[in-house]
Amino acid sequence: MSLSRLAGWLSRRAENLLVAMLLVMFLVFLLQILSRYLLNLPIGWTQEVSAMLWVWMVLFGAAFVIRDDEEMRFDLLYRGVSPRIRRGMTAVSAGCTVLAFAVALPAIWDYVTFMKVEKSAYLRIRFDWLYSIFVVFAVAMILRHVWIGFRAIYGPDTTETGKPGSAQ
């Protein structure tokens, strides 16, 4: 299996996992509505599961599912400059992102590992397990932006095409 096929397969599995998390969150939300408003029997663990899944969906999705060309940008200035300047802007912003996450990573790690002392109220899930996705997200952002910066500096000039996957 080629590297691009493997990457495509892993990308689809990440999307599948994100969809599964969304489905579970939706079903738990429906259960919460049913139990609270129809049975008049509120259950607290459903709120915990919904909140935990929301955290995981946002960070997992940003780390592994959202592509670079799908991110929201304010590109009024970016579109008004030459392709060479765009590449420079992309490289500088990628470098700043890498630097920010790399500097923050030890503090992120410390905070997440410190949270092992706390547990959720109903399910008794340790908060370090819950927030471990934040460490994964930070590392993924570092790697992604190293690649974006590398592409901006050494890759082919694709800034004028405007095609998905180009260094925009």
Protein backbone atom coordinates (compact mmCIF):
# COMPACT_ATOMS: atom_id res chain seq x y z
CA MET A 1 0.00 0.00 0.00
CA SER A 2 1.41 3.38 -0.98
CA LEU A 3 1.86 6.15 1.53
CA SER A 4 -0.83 8.32 -0.08
CA ARG A 5 -3.34 5.44 -0.05
CA LEU A 6 -2.55 4.75 3.60
CA ALA A 7 -2.98 8.44 4.44
CA GLY A 8 -6.32 8.48 2.61
CA TRP A 9 -7.48 5.36 4.44
CA LEU A 10 -6.45 6.82 7.83
CA SER A 11 -8.20 10.10 6.97
CA ARG A 12 -11.44 8.27 6.19
CA ARG A 13 -11.20 6.30 9.45
CA ALA A 14 -10.70 9.54 11.38
CA GLU A 15 -13.83 10.92 9.71
CA ASN A 16 -15.69 7.71 10.60
CA LEU A 17 -14.64 8.04 14.23
CA LEU A 18 -15.75 11.67 14.32
CA VAL A 19 -19.13 10.71 12.86
CA ALA A 20 -19.46 7.93 15.45
CA MET A 21 -18.74 10.40 18.26
CA LEU A 22 -21.36 12.78 16.85
CA LEU A 23 -23.90 9.95 16.62
CA VAL A 24 -23.29 8.87 20.22
CA MET A 25 -23.53 12.48 21.39
CA PHE A 26 -26.83 12.89 19.52
CA LEU A 27 -28.28 9.66 20.93
CA VAL A 28 -27.24 10.57 24.46
CA PHE A 29 -28.79 14.01 23.96
CA LEU A 30 -32.07 12.39 22.85
CA LEU A 31 -31.96 10.08 25.86
CA GLN A 32 -31.46 13.08 28.10
CA ILE A 33 -34.49 14.86 26.59
CA LEU A 34 -36.62 11.72 26.82
CA SER A 35 -35.73 11.02 30.43
CA ARG A 36 -36.01 14.61 31.61
CA TYR A 37 -39.09 15.88 29.82
CA LEU A 38 -41.14 12.77 29.09
CA LEU A 39 -40.30 10.56 32.07
CA ASN A 40 -39.54 13.40 34.49
CA LEU A 41 -36.44 11.46 35.53
CA PRO A 42 -33.31 13.50 34.77
CA ILE A 43 -30.07 11.55 34.49
CA GLY A 44 -26.79 13.39 34.99
CA TRP A 45 -24.36 11.15 33.16
CA THR A 46 -25.84 12.14 29.81
CA GLN A 47 -24.64 15.73 30.28
CA GLU A 48 -21.16 14.46 31.14
CA VAL A 49 -21.00 12.24 28.07
CA SER A 50 -22.22 15.07 25.84
CA ALA A 51 -19.65 17.52 27.21
CA MET A 52 -16.82 15.00 26.99
CA LEU A 53 -17.70 14.03 23.45
CA TRP A 54 -17.90 17.70 22.47
CA VAL A 55 -14.34 18.30 23.72
CA TRP A 56 -13.07 15.23 21.90
CA MET A 57 -14.97 16.02 18.69
CA VAL A 58 -13.62 19.56 18.46
CA LEU A 59 -9.99 18.71 19.21
CA PHE A 60 -9.88 15.37 17.37
CA GLY A 61 -11.61 16.92 14.37
CA ALA A 62 -9.23 19.88 14.28
CA ALA A 63 -6.22 17.59 14.64
CA PHE A 64 -7.12 14.84 12.16
CA VAL A 65 -10.17 15.64 10.03
CA ILE A 66 -10.18 19.32 9.07
CA ARG A 67 -7.87 19.94 6.11
CA ASP A 68 -5.74 23.06 5.84
CA ASP A 69 -7.84 24.47 3.00
CA GLU A 70 -11.03 24.05 5.09
CA GLU A 71 -9.87 26.25 7.94
CA MET A 72 -11.46 29.67 8.27
CA ARG A 73 -9.18 32.55 7.39
CA PHE A 74 -9.25 36.29 7.14
CA ASP A 75 -7.47 36.56 3.82
CA LEU A 76 -8.26 40.06 2.59
CA LEU A 77 -4.62 41.11 2.87
CA TYR A 78 -3.32 37.68 1.86
CA ARG A 79 -5.17 37.67 -1.50
CA GLY A 80 -3.93 41.17 -2.32
CA VAL A 81 -0.22 40.33 -2.37
CA SER A 82 1.98 38.46 -4.84
CA PRO A 83 2.33 34.66 -4.68
CA ARG A 84 5.89 35.01 -3.38
CA ILE A 85 4.73 37.20 -0.49
CA ARG A 86 1.90 34.74 0.20
CA ARG A 87 4.42 31.93 0.55
CA GLY A 88 6.40 34.07 2.97
CA MET A 89 3.29 34.91 4.98
CA THR A 90 2.34 31.22 5.09
CA ALA A 91 5.84 30.24 6.25
CA VAL A 92 5.92 32.94 8.95
CA SER A 93 2.44 32.12 10.26
CA ALA A 94 3.26 28.39 10.27
CA GLY A 95 6.49 29.14 12.17
CA CYS A 96 4.62 31.25 14.72
CA THR A 97 2.05 28.49 15.21
CA VAL A 98 4.78 25.87 15.67
CA LEU A 99 6.62 28.12 18.12
CA ALA A 100 3.47 28.89 20.13
CA PHE A 101 2.44 25.25 20.46
CA ALA A 102 6.01 24.08 21.12
CA VAL A 103 6.41 26.62 23.92
CA ALA A 104 3.01 25.72 25.36
CA LEU A 105 3.44 21.94 25.06
CA PRO A 106 5.25 21.40 28.40
CA ALA A 107 2.57 23.40 30.24
CA ILE A 108 -0.17 21.52 28.39
CA TRP A 109 1.44 18.21 29.38
CA ASP A 110 1.80 19.33 33.01
CA TYR A 111 -1.81 20.46 33.22
CA VAL A 112 -3.22 17.32 31.63
CA THR A 113 -1.15 15.00 33.83
CA PHE A 114 -2.05 17.08 36.90
CA MET A 115 -5.74 16.54 36.15
CA LYS A 116 -5.44 12.87 37.15
CA VAL A 117 -6.47 14.00 40.62
CA GLU A 118 -9.94 15.00 39.36
CA LYS A 119 -12.76 12.74 38.19
CA SER A 120 -16.09 13.44 36.57
CA ALA A 121 -19.05 13.54 38.94
CA TYR A 122 -21.18 10.70 37.55
CA LEU A 123 -18.98 8.42 35.47
CA ARG A 124 -15.84 8.91 37.58
CA ILE A 125 -13.68 9.31 34.46
CA ARG A 126 -10.30 10.79 35.26
CA PHE A 127 -9.86 14.23 33.74
CA ASP A 128 -6.35 13.44 32.49
CA TRP A 129 -7.92 10.81 30.21
CA LEU A 130 -10.57 13.27 29.08
CA TYR A 131 -8.10 16.07 28.33
CA SER A 132 -5.39 13.82 26.87
CA ILE A 133 -6.80 14.72 23.45
CA PHE A 134 -5.45 18.25 24.01
CA VAL A 135 -1.87 16.93 24.03
CA VAL A 136 -2.59 14.97 20.84
CA PHE A 137 -4.12 18.10 19.30
CA ALA A 138 -1.09 20.25 20.20
CA VAL A 139 1.37 17.73 18.74
CA ALA A 140 -0.75 17.37 15.60
CA MET A 141 -0.82 21.16 15.17
CA ILE A 142 2.96 21.32 15.51
CA LEU A 143 3.47 18.60 12.89
CA ARG A 144 0.83 20.02 10.55
CA HIS A 145 2.30 23.51 10.63
CA VAL A 146 5.86 22.26 10.22
CA TRP A 147 4.60 20.60 7.04
CA ILE A 148 2.72 23.74 5.93
CA GLY A 149 5.84 25.85 6.49
CA PHE A 150 8.02 23.33 4.68
CA ARG A 151 5.63 23.32 1.71
CA ALA A 152 5.53 27.11 1.65
CA ILE A 153 9.33 27.35 1.56
CA TYR A 154 10.35 24.33 -0.53
CA GLY A 155 7.22 23.11 -2.27
CA PRO A 156 5.99 23.95 -5.76
CA ASP A 157 4.37 27.35 -6.21
CA THR A 158 0.66 26.57 -5.99
CA THR A 159 -0.51 29.82 -4.42
CA GLU A 160 -2.04 31.15 -7.62
CA THR A 161 -4.14 28.10 -8.44
CA GLY A 162 -6.56 28.46 -5.53
CA LYS A 163 -7.15 24.71 -5.70
CA PRO A 164 -7.85 22.75 -2.53
CA GLY A 165 -4.60 21.54 -1.04
CA SER A 166 -2.61 24.42 -2.48
CA ALA A 167 -0.54 26.61 -0.17
CA GLN A 168 -3.14 29.29 0.31
